[in-house]
Amino acid sequence: MGSNPTASLEIVKNKKYYSWILYDWANSAFATIVLAGFFPIIFADYFASSFAQSERTLVLGISNSSASLLLILIAPFLGLLADRNGNKLKYLALSAFIGITATLFLTFVEKDAWAIASILFSISLFGFMLSNVFYDSMLLSFDESKDLNSISSFGYAAGYLGGGIAFILALFFLFYFKESSNDFIINKKIVFIFTSLWWLLFSIPLFIYWKDTKKLKVQHRHGLFDTFKDIKADKRLLYFLLAYWIYIDGVDTIIRMAVNFGITIGFSSNDLLIALLVTQFVSFPGTILINSIANYKTSEFGIMSCLVIYILITLIAYNLNTIFEFYLIAVLIGLAQGGIQALSRSYYARIIPKDRSSEYFGVYNMLGKFAALLGPLVVGFITYYTDDSRLGMLSISLFFIIGIYFFKKQCRLIK
């Protein structure tokens, strides 16, 4: 019997879809194990053990912000090149390689070598964020599907599930071999090896099955100046990017600084890792729940709901006294973070030119990471000068409030 062309095409589409989702599963191990979980703890106990808490918070904030600054400078330019050459996968693979390699090298950093650890962490974070510029822009390659909200949400949901499973496996390994005399295990640096291998292994299907769409022939070759000029002319797009720029600051900063905040309050590393695990597994159903709410109401309603939850999180953090309240924060973060990230990505994808997706997502990620450049610094400096980490966390609420103002402003333009 002859092959069915329609069935074959469907298989190809499914492989493309699932390999795209699997990359979120792959690199989320870095976001969970390294960025949010173990690096702040290892940095405090090993890489910068001689630092005071306020000094360590400042250095950690600078390390995060350095990676964001580099992304700001290079992401729009590389996004433009990826659109012109039609090879998003090539740029994603190169970015992932940078992140994976730097993560692996963190394993070999010696005690109190805080400068080298900070540099490698910044490079690994840069590779992670840059790969997401091209990963996000791939969303518009699913032209056969009309429900970008669901595609985006299931990508994030899979990422949180994968990151959570990777995190549990890392914890289990450290617990099982806790009596080991190996320096990598004693000081938990083995997690950097585990993360880099997980990231590489589950990226392979995307490298095999993803096929970039052919270069689109356009009458005009756009430059970065044209991109920003076009954004300025589109008021709806401009106000959305302003809102996103501001509110994602709070989201990213809470993700990056929450564990360090818990350390300054006095919670144990075990308490903090449990809270992170709670966040990870609540994020899986939470992302799907927020997507369902957005589908039932509107995407705008879903985004606004998440922003209100984040304001509540900062208020609870300011008045935090017990580990139960910290776990409550973990649950609320898990409920909101995947939803706002997924809905923001799909919302933006619907209002940009499809043939310039990498270019526009370069700007999208640039603005998001420019906010992440400011957020950790604001928290770091306020904590350092007031010696009060609670005020540092409370300051993040301003970004959500201002973000709501600009988001509502752009919503009025479509009524």
Protein backbone atom coordinates (compact mmCIF):
# COMPACT_ATOMS: atom_id res chain seq x y z
CA MET A 1 0.00 0.00 0.00
CA GLY A 2 1.19 3.54 -0.75
CA SER A 3 2.03 5.99 1.99
CA ASN A 4 -0.49 8.60 3.07
CA PRO A 5 0.98 12.08 2.42
CA THR A 6 -1.42 13.71 4.88
CA ALA A 7 -0.47 11.28 7.66
CA SER A 8 3.24 11.74 6.94
CA LEU A 9 2.89 15.51 7.08
CA GLU A 10 1.05 15.22 10.41
CA ILE A 11 3.87 13.10 11.87
CA VAL A 12 6.44 15.69 10.78
CA LYS A 13 4.37 18.48 12.33
CA ASN A 14 4.04 16.55 15.58
CA LYS A 15 7.78 15.88 15.77
CA LYS A 16 8.42 19.57 15.21
CA TYR A 17 5.89 20.55 17.88
CA TYR A 18 7.06 18.09 20.54
CA SER A 19 10.76 18.72 19.91
CA TRP A 20 10.08 22.45 20.32
CA ILE A 21 8.31 21.82 23.64
CA LEU A 22 11.11 19.47 24.72
CA TYR A 23 13.69 22.26 24.46
CA ASP A 24 11.80 24.11 27.21
CA TRP A 25 11.98 20.86 29.22
CA ALA A 26 15.74 20.81 28.50
CA ASN A 27 16.86 24.31 29.42
CA SER A 28 14.48 24.62 32.36
CA ALA A 29 16.93 22.46 34.30
CA PHE A 30 19.28 25.45 34.23
CA ALA A 31 16.54 27.85 35.33
CA THR A 32 15.53 25.61 38.22
CA ILE A 33 18.71 23.93 39.42
CA VAL A 34 21.27 26.65 38.74
CA LEU A 35 19.58 30.03 38.41
CA ALA A 36 16.85 29.80 41.05
CA GLY A 37 18.08 26.92 43.21
CA PHE A 38 21.62 25.84 43.81
CA PHE A 39 23.82 28.66 42.53
CA PRO A 40 22.71 31.20 45.19
CA ILE A 41 23.26 28.53 47.87
CA ILE A 42 26.64 27.35 46.54
CA PHE A 43 27.66 30.98 46.02
CA ALA A 44 26.84 31.75 49.67
CA ASP A 45 28.41 28.62 51.16
CA TYR A 46 31.38 28.06 48.84
CA PHE A 47 32.16 30.58 46.10
CA ALA A 48 31.73 33.68 48.33
CA SER A 49 31.73 32.27 51.85
CA SER A 50 33.72 35.21 53.26
CA PHE A 51 31.16 37.82 52.13
CA ALA A 52 28.54 39.44 54.33
CA GLN A 53 24.92 38.81 53.29
CA SER A 54 24.42 42.32 51.90
CA GLU A 55 27.69 42.16 49.92
CA ARG A 56 26.78 38.76 48.51
CA THR A 57 23.33 40.01 47.44
CA LEU A 58 24.97 42.93 45.62
CA VAL A 59 27.47 40.69 43.77
CA LEU A 60 24.70 38.25 42.85
CA GLY A 61 22.62 41.12 41.51
CA ILE A 62 25.55 42.42 39.45
CA SER A 63 26.19 38.93 38.02
CA ASN A 64 22.57 38.62 36.91
CA SER A 65 22.53 42.12 35.49
CA SER A 66 25.79 41.68 33.55
CA ALA A 67 24.28 38.81 31.57
CA SER A 68 21.18 40.89 30.91
CA LEU A 69 23.26 43.83 29.69
CA LEU A 70 25.13 41.64 27.21
CA LEU A 71 21.81 40.27 25.94
CA ILE A 72 20.46 43.79 25.52
CA LEU A 73 23.41 44.72 23.31
CA ILE A 74 23.42 41.66 21.07
CA ALA A 75 19.92 40.08 20.95
CA PRO A 76 18.20 42.48 18.48
CA PHE A 77 21.17 42.32 16.09
CA LEU A 78 21.34 38.51 16.09
CA GLY A 79 17.56 38.31 15.79
CA LEU A 80 17.76 40.44 12.66
CA LEU A 81 20.44 38.16 11.19
CA ALA A 82 18.41 35.03 12.01
CA ASP A 83 15.39 36.43 10.15
CA ARG A 84 17.47 37.43 7.14
CA ASN A 85 19.26 34.09 6.90
CA GLY A 86 16.31 31.91 7.92
CA ASN A 87 18.41 29.89 10.38
CA LYS A 88 16.98 30.35 13.86
CA LEU A 89 18.03 26.83 14.85
CA LYS A 90 21.70 27.58 14.15
CA TYR A 91 21.68 30.61 16.44
CA LEU A 92 19.74 28.73 19.12
CA ALA A 93 22.24 25.85 19.04
CA LEU A 94 25.21 28.21 19.34
CA SER A 95 23.62 30.06 22.27
CA ALA A 96 22.75 26.81 24.03
CA PHE A 97 26.33 25.56 23.57
CA ILE A 98 27.66 28.70 25.27
CA GLY A 99 25.29 28.23 28.19
CA ILE A 100 25.91 24.50 28.57
CA THR A 101 29.70 24.87 28.44
CA ALA A 102 29.85 27.70 30.99
CA THR A 103 27.54 25.75 33.32
CA LEU A 104 29.82 22.72 33.10
CA PHE A 105 32.92 24.83 33.87
CA LEU A 106 31.31 26.08 37.11
CA THR A 107 31.98 22.59 38.48
CA PHE A 108 35.71 23.23 38.54
CA VAL A 109 35.73 26.64 40.26
CA GLU A 110 37.61 26.60 43.58
CA LYS A 111 36.42 27.78 47.00
CA ASP A 112 36.07 31.58 47.42
CA ALA A 113 36.88 32.15 43.74
CA TRP A 114 33.81 34.38 43.61
CA ALA A 115 34.98 36.45 40.64
CA ILE A 116 35.48 33.45 38.32
CA ALA A 117 32.22 31.90 39.55
CA SER A 118 30.36 35.15 38.88
CA ILE A 119 31.79 35.46 35.36
CA LEU A 120 30.96 31.86 34.41
CA PHE A 121 27.49 32.21 35.90
CA SER A 122 26.91 35.38 33.85
CA ILE A 123 28.08 33.63 30.66
CA SER A 124 25.88 30.59 31.29
CA LEU A 125 22.89 32.83 32.00
CA PHE A 126 23.62 34.82 28.83
CA GLY A 127 23.62 31.63 26.73
CA PHE A 128 20.38 30.49 28.36
CA MET A 129 18.61 33.80 27.72
CA LEU A 130 19.95 34.26 24.18
CA SER A 131 18.79 30.79 23.13
CA ASN A 132 15.32 31.75 24.29
CA VAL A 133 15.26 34.69 21.85
CA PHE A 134 15.29 32.24 18.94
CA TYR A 135 13.19 29.65 20.76
CA ASP A 136 10.43 32.20 21.39
CA SER A 137 10.47 33.38 17.78
CA MET A 138 9.95 29.79 16.62
CA LEU A 139 6.41 30.03 18.04
CA LEU A 140 5.25 31.74 14.86
CA SER A 141 6.45 28.80 12.76
CA PHE A 142 3.34 26.89 13.88
CA ASP A 143 1.25 28.61 11.24
CA GLU A 144 -1.18 25.72 11.01
CA SER A 145 -2.41 26.36 14.55
CA LYS A 146 -4.55 29.29 15.57
CA ASP A 147 -4.28 28.81 19.34
CA LEU A 148 -0.91 30.36 20.14
CA ASN A 149 -1.93 30.76 23.78
CA SER A 150 -2.17 26.99 24.23
CA ILE A 151 1.02 26.23 22.30
CA SER A 152 2.94 28.80 24.34
CA SER A 153 1.37 27.65 27.62
CA PHE A 154 2.06 23.96 27.07
CA GLY A 155 5.68 24.85 26.25
CA TYR A 156 6.07 26.64 29.57
CA ALA A 157 4.14 23.92 31.43
CA ALA A 158 6.44 21.22 30.03
CA GLY A 159 9.41 23.35 31.02
CA TYR A 160 8.26 23.63 34.61
CA LEU A 161 7.54 19.90 34.80
CA GLY A 162 10.91 19.02 33.28
CA GLY A 163 12.73 21.48 35.51
CA GLY A 164 10.95 20.05 38.55
CA ILE A 165 11.83 16.47 37.68
CA ALA A 166 15.45 17.43 37.03
CA PHE A 167 15.51 19.25 40.36
CA ILE A 168 14.17 16.19 42.24
CA LEU A 169 16.73 13.93 40.59
CA ALA A 170 19.52 16.33 41.59
CA LEU A 171 18.25 16.40 45.20
CA PHE A 172 17.92 12.61 45.26
CA PHE A 173 21.48 12.18 43.98
CA LEU A 174 22.90 14.53 46.62
CA PHE A 175 20.92 12.81 49.37
CA TYR A 176 21.89 9.30 48.25
CA PHE A 177 25.59 10.18 48.11
CA LYS A 178 25.63 12.55 51.10
CA GLU A 179 28.32 10.47 52.83
CA SER A 180 30.67 10.82 49.86
CA SER A 181 34.06 12.49 50.33
CA ASN A 182 34.10 13.80 46.76
CA ASP A 183 34.50 17.60 46.68
CA PHE A 184 31.98 17.95 43.83
CA ILE A 185 29.30 16.21 45.93
CA ILE A 186 30.16 17.72 49.32
CA ASN A 187 29.87 21.23 47.93
CA LYS A 188 26.98 20.34 45.61
CA LYS A 189 28.93 21.34 42.47
CA ILE A 190 27.93 18.04 40.85
CA VAL A 191 24.61 19.73 40.00
CA PHE A 192 26.39 21.80 37.34
CA ILE A 193 27.45 18.63 35.51
CA PHE A 194 23.96 17.18 35.81
CA THR A 195 22.34 20.38 34.50
CA SER A 196 24.63 20.68 31.47
CA LEU A 197 24.05 17.04 30.50
CA TRP A 198 20.25 17.33 30.92
CA TRP A 199 20.19 20.53 28.85
CA LEU A 200 22.25 18.94 26.07
CA LEU A 201 20.45 15.58 25.99
CA PHE A 202 16.90 16.92 25.71
CA SER A 203 17.92 19.57 23.15
CA ILE A 204 18.89 16.89 20.64
CA PRO A 205 15.34 16.24 19.28
CA LEU A 206 14.99 19.93 18.38
CA PHE A 207 18.33 19.86 16.56
CA ILE A 208 17.19 16.78 14.62
CA TYR A 209 13.54 17.49 13.82
CA TRP A 210 13.29 21.26 13.58
CA LYS A 211 13.43 22.60 10.05
CA ASP A 212 13.59 26.35 9.65
CA THR A 213 11.16 27.87 7.19
CA LYS A 214 12.71 29.17 4.01
CA LYS A 215 13.85 32.75 3.92
CA LEU A 216 10.99 35.05 3.05
CA LYS A 217 11.64 37.29 0.09
CA VAL A 218 10.95 40.84 1.12
CA GLN A 219 11.11 44.04 -0.85
CA HIS A 220 12.92 45.90 1.90
CA ARG A 221 15.73 44.66 4.12
CA HIS A 222 14.95 46.01 7.54
CA GLY A 223 17.59 47.35 9.90
CA LEU A 224 17.37 47.83 13.66
CA PHE A 225 16.50 51.49 13.17
CA ASP A 226 13.51 50.42 11.05
CA THR A 227 12.43 47.98 13.75
CA PHE A 228 12.31 50.60 16.49
CA LYS A 229 10.73 53.12 14.12
CA ASP A 230 7.95 50.65 13.26
CA ILE A 231 7.38 49.84 16.94
CA LYS A 232 7.12 53.53 17.79
CA ALA A 233 4.53 54.01 15.05
CA ASP A 234 2.35 51.16 16.35
CA LYS A 235 0.94 52.53 19.62
CA ARG A 236 -0.59 49.24 20.70
CA LEU A 237 2.73 47.44 20.25
CA LEU A 238 4.64 50.29 21.89
CA TYR A 239 2.46 50.36 25.03
CA PHE A 240 2.50 46.58 25.33
CA LEU A 241 6.30 46.53 25.18
CA LEU A 242 6.48 49.29 27.79
CA ALA A 243 4.15 47.30 30.06
CA TYR A 244 6.03 44.05 29.46
CA TRP A 245 9.37 45.77 29.97
CA ILE A 246 8.28 46.94 33.41
CA TYR A 247 6.23 44.05 34.79
CA ILE A 248 8.57 41.27 33.62
CA ASP A 249 11.23 43.04 35.70
CA GLY A 250 9.37 41.97 38.82
CA VAL A 251 8.78 38.45 37.54
CA ASP A 252 12.44 37.83 36.65
CA THR A 253 13.77 39.50 39.78
CA ILE A 254 11.57 37.43 42.09
CA ILE A 255 12.65 34.25 40.28
CA ARG A 256 16.33 35.15 40.61
CA MET A 257 16.41 36.66 44.09
CA ALA A 258 13.79 34.65 46.04
CA VAL A 259 16.21 32.02 47.36
CA ASN A 260 18.76 34.64 48.38
CA PHE A 261 15.93 36.54 50.12
CA GLY A 262 15.02 33.41 52.06
CA ILE A 263 18.66 33.02 53.12
CA THR A 264 18.77 36.59 54.48
CA ILE A 265 15.54 35.98 56.43
CA GLY A 266 17.16 32.97 58.07
CA PHE A 267 15.51 29.95 56.45
CA SER A 268 17.60 26.82 55.93
CA SER A 269 18.75 25.69 52.50
CA ASN A 270 16.49 22.63 52.77
CA ASP A 271 13.45 24.85 53.41
CA LEU A 272 14.35 26.98 50.39
CA LEU A 273 14.85 24.00 48.08
CA ILE A 274 11.50 22.56 49.15
CA ALA A 275 9.84 25.92 48.42
CA LEU A 276 11.46 25.99 44.99
CA LEU A 277 10.19 22.48 44.32
CA VAL A 278 6.68 23.56 45.34
CA THR A 279 6.88 26.46 42.89
CA GLN A 280 8.06 24.20 40.11
CA PHE A 281 5.26 21.67 40.38
CA VAL A 282 2.52 24.22 41.02
CA SER A 283 3.71 26.00 37.86
CA PHE A 284 2.80 23.02 35.68
CA PRO A 285 -0.96 23.02 36.42
CA GLY A 286 -0.85 26.76 37.18
CA THR A 287 0.25 27.61 33.64
CA ILE A 288 -2.51 25.47 32.16
CA LEU A 289 -5.06 26.98 34.58
CA ILE A 290 -4.15 30.56 33.64
CA ASN A 291 -4.34 29.58 29.96
CA SER A 292 -7.83 28.15 30.55
CA ILE A 293 -8.89 31.37 32.28
CA ALA A 294 -7.51 33.41 29.37
CA ASN A 295 -9.39 31.22 26.87
CA TYR A 296 -12.59 31.51 28.90
CA LYS A 297 -12.27 35.29 29.35
CA THR A 298 -9.47 37.06 27.41
CA SER A 299 -5.67 37.06 27.27
CA GLU A 300 -5.76 40.57 28.75
CA PHE A 301 -7.74 39.31 31.75
CA GLY A 302 -5.28 36.46 32.27
CA ILE A 303 -2.26 38.78 32.24
CA MET A 304 -3.90 41.28 34.61
CA SER A 305 -4.83 38.49 37.04
CA CYS A 306 -1.20 37.36 37.20
CA LEU A 307 0.02 40.91 37.88
CA VAL A 308 -2.40 41.27 40.81
CA ILE A 309 -1.10 37.99 42.24
CA TYR A 310 2.47 39.29 42.01
CA ILE A 311 1.58 42.45 43.94
CA LEU A 312 0.15 40.20 46.65
CA ILE A 313 3.41 38.21 46.66
CA THR A 314 5.52 41.30 47.36
CA LEU A 315 3.23 42.34 50.23
CA ILE A 316 3.45 38.90 51.84
CA ALA A 317 7.24 38.92 51.40
CA TYR A 318 7.52 42.27 53.18
CA ASN A 319 5.59 40.90 56.18
CA LEU A 320 7.16 37.44 56.05
CA ASN A 321 7.78 35.74 59.41
CA THR A 322 7.27 31.98 59.07
CA ILE A 323 8.32 29.26 56.67
CA PHE A 324 4.61 28.58 56.05
CA GLU A 325 4.29 32.09 54.59
CA PHE A 326 7.33 31.43 52.41
CA TYR A 327 5.68 28.27 51.11
CA LEU A 328 2.53 30.32 50.41
CA ILE A 329 4.67 32.68 48.33
CA ALA A 330 6.07 29.64 46.50
CA VAL A 331 2.55 28.49 45.64
CA LEU A 332 1.49 31.94 44.41
CA ILE A 333 4.63 32.30 42.28
CA GLY A 334 3.96 28.87 40.79
CA LEU A 335 0.39 29.86 39.99
CA ALA A 336 1.31 33.11 38.23
CA GLN A 337 4.78 32.91 36.68
CA GLY A 338 4.15 30.37 33.92
CA GLY A 339 0.85 31.97 32.99
CA ILE A 340 2.17 35.50 32.61
CA GLN A 341 5.21 34.34 30.65
CA ALA A 342 3.20 32.15 28.29
CA LEU A 343 0.39 34.65 27.71
CA SER A 344 2.82 37.54 27.21
CA ARG A 345 4.74 35.55 24.58
CA SER A 346 1.64 34.47 22.63
CA TYR A 347 0.00 37.91 22.98
CA TYR A 348 3.11 39.56 21.51
CA ALA A 349 3.39 36.95 18.76
CA ARG A 350 -0.09 37.86 17.51
CA ILE A 351 0.67 41.57 17.10
CA ILE A 352 4.06 41.46 15.35
CA PRO A 353 4.95 40.90 11.66
CA LYS A 354 5.37 37.17 11.14
CA ASP A 355 8.25 37.51 8.67
CA ARG A 356 10.28 39.48 11.25
CA SER A 357 9.65 37.28 14.30
CA SER A 358 13.28 36.78 15.47
CA GLU A 359 13.94 40.47 14.96
CA TYR A 360 10.91 41.48 17.02
CA PHE A 361 11.50 38.81 19.65
CA GLY A 362 15.06 40.13 19.92
CA VAL A 363 13.55 43.45 20.96
CA TYR A 364 11.05 41.63 23.21
CA ASN A 365 13.80 39.79 25.06
CA MET A 366 16.03 42.85 25.06
CA LEU A 367 13.38 44.88 26.88
CA GLY A 368 12.62 42.03 29.25
CA LYS A 369 16.26 41.59 30.15
CA PHE A 370 16.85 45.33 30.40
CA ALA A 371 14.24 45.19 33.14
CA ALA A 372 16.12 42.24 34.63
CA LEU A 373 19.22 44.42 34.49
CA LEU A 374 17.53 46.96 36.76
CA GLY A 375 15.50 44.67 39.02
CA PRO A 376 18.29 42.72 40.75
CA LEU A 377 20.30 45.94 41.07
CA VAL A 378 17.37 47.74 42.71
CA VAL A 379 16.87 44.88 45.16
CA GLY A 380 20.62 44.59 45.74
CA PHE A 381 21.26 48.28 46.39
CA ILE A 382 18.16 48.82 48.56
CA THR A 383 19.07 45.75 50.63
CA TYR A 384 22.69 46.90 50.89
CA TYR A 385 22.02 50.51 51.92
CA THR A 386 19.06 49.82 54.24
CA ASP A 387 20.34 46.44 55.45
CA ASP A 388 16.72 45.30 55.06
CA SER A 389 15.98 42.65 52.43
CA ARG A 390 12.24 43.08 53.04
CA LEU A 391 12.33 46.61 51.64
CA GLY A 392 14.28 45.28 48.68
CA MET A 393 11.54 42.79 47.86
CA LEU A 394 8.76 45.31 48.48
CA SER A 395 10.30 47.68 45.92
CA ILE A 396 9.43 45.18 43.17
CA SER A 397 5.72 45.92 43.62
CA LEU A 398 6.21 49.28 41.90
CA PHE A 399 7.10 47.51 38.66
CA PHE A 400 3.86 45.53 38.69
CA ILE A 401 1.76 48.62 39.45
CA ILE A 402 3.35 50.65 36.65
CA GLY A 403 3.13 47.64 34.34
CA ILE A 404 -0.62 47.42 34.95
CA TYR A 405 -0.98 51.11 34.05
CA PHE A 406 0.70 50.74 30.64
CA PHE A 407 -0.97 47.41 29.88
CA LYS A 408 -4.42 48.89 30.52
CA LYS A 409 -3.44 51.83 28.32
CA GLN A 410 -2.67 49.56 25.35
CA CYS A 411 -5.87 47.58 26.00
CA ARG A 412 -7.91 50.74 25.48
CA LEU A 413 -6.47 51.05 21.96
CA ILE A 414 -8.23 47.87 20.80
CA LYS A 415 -11.65 48.73 22.21
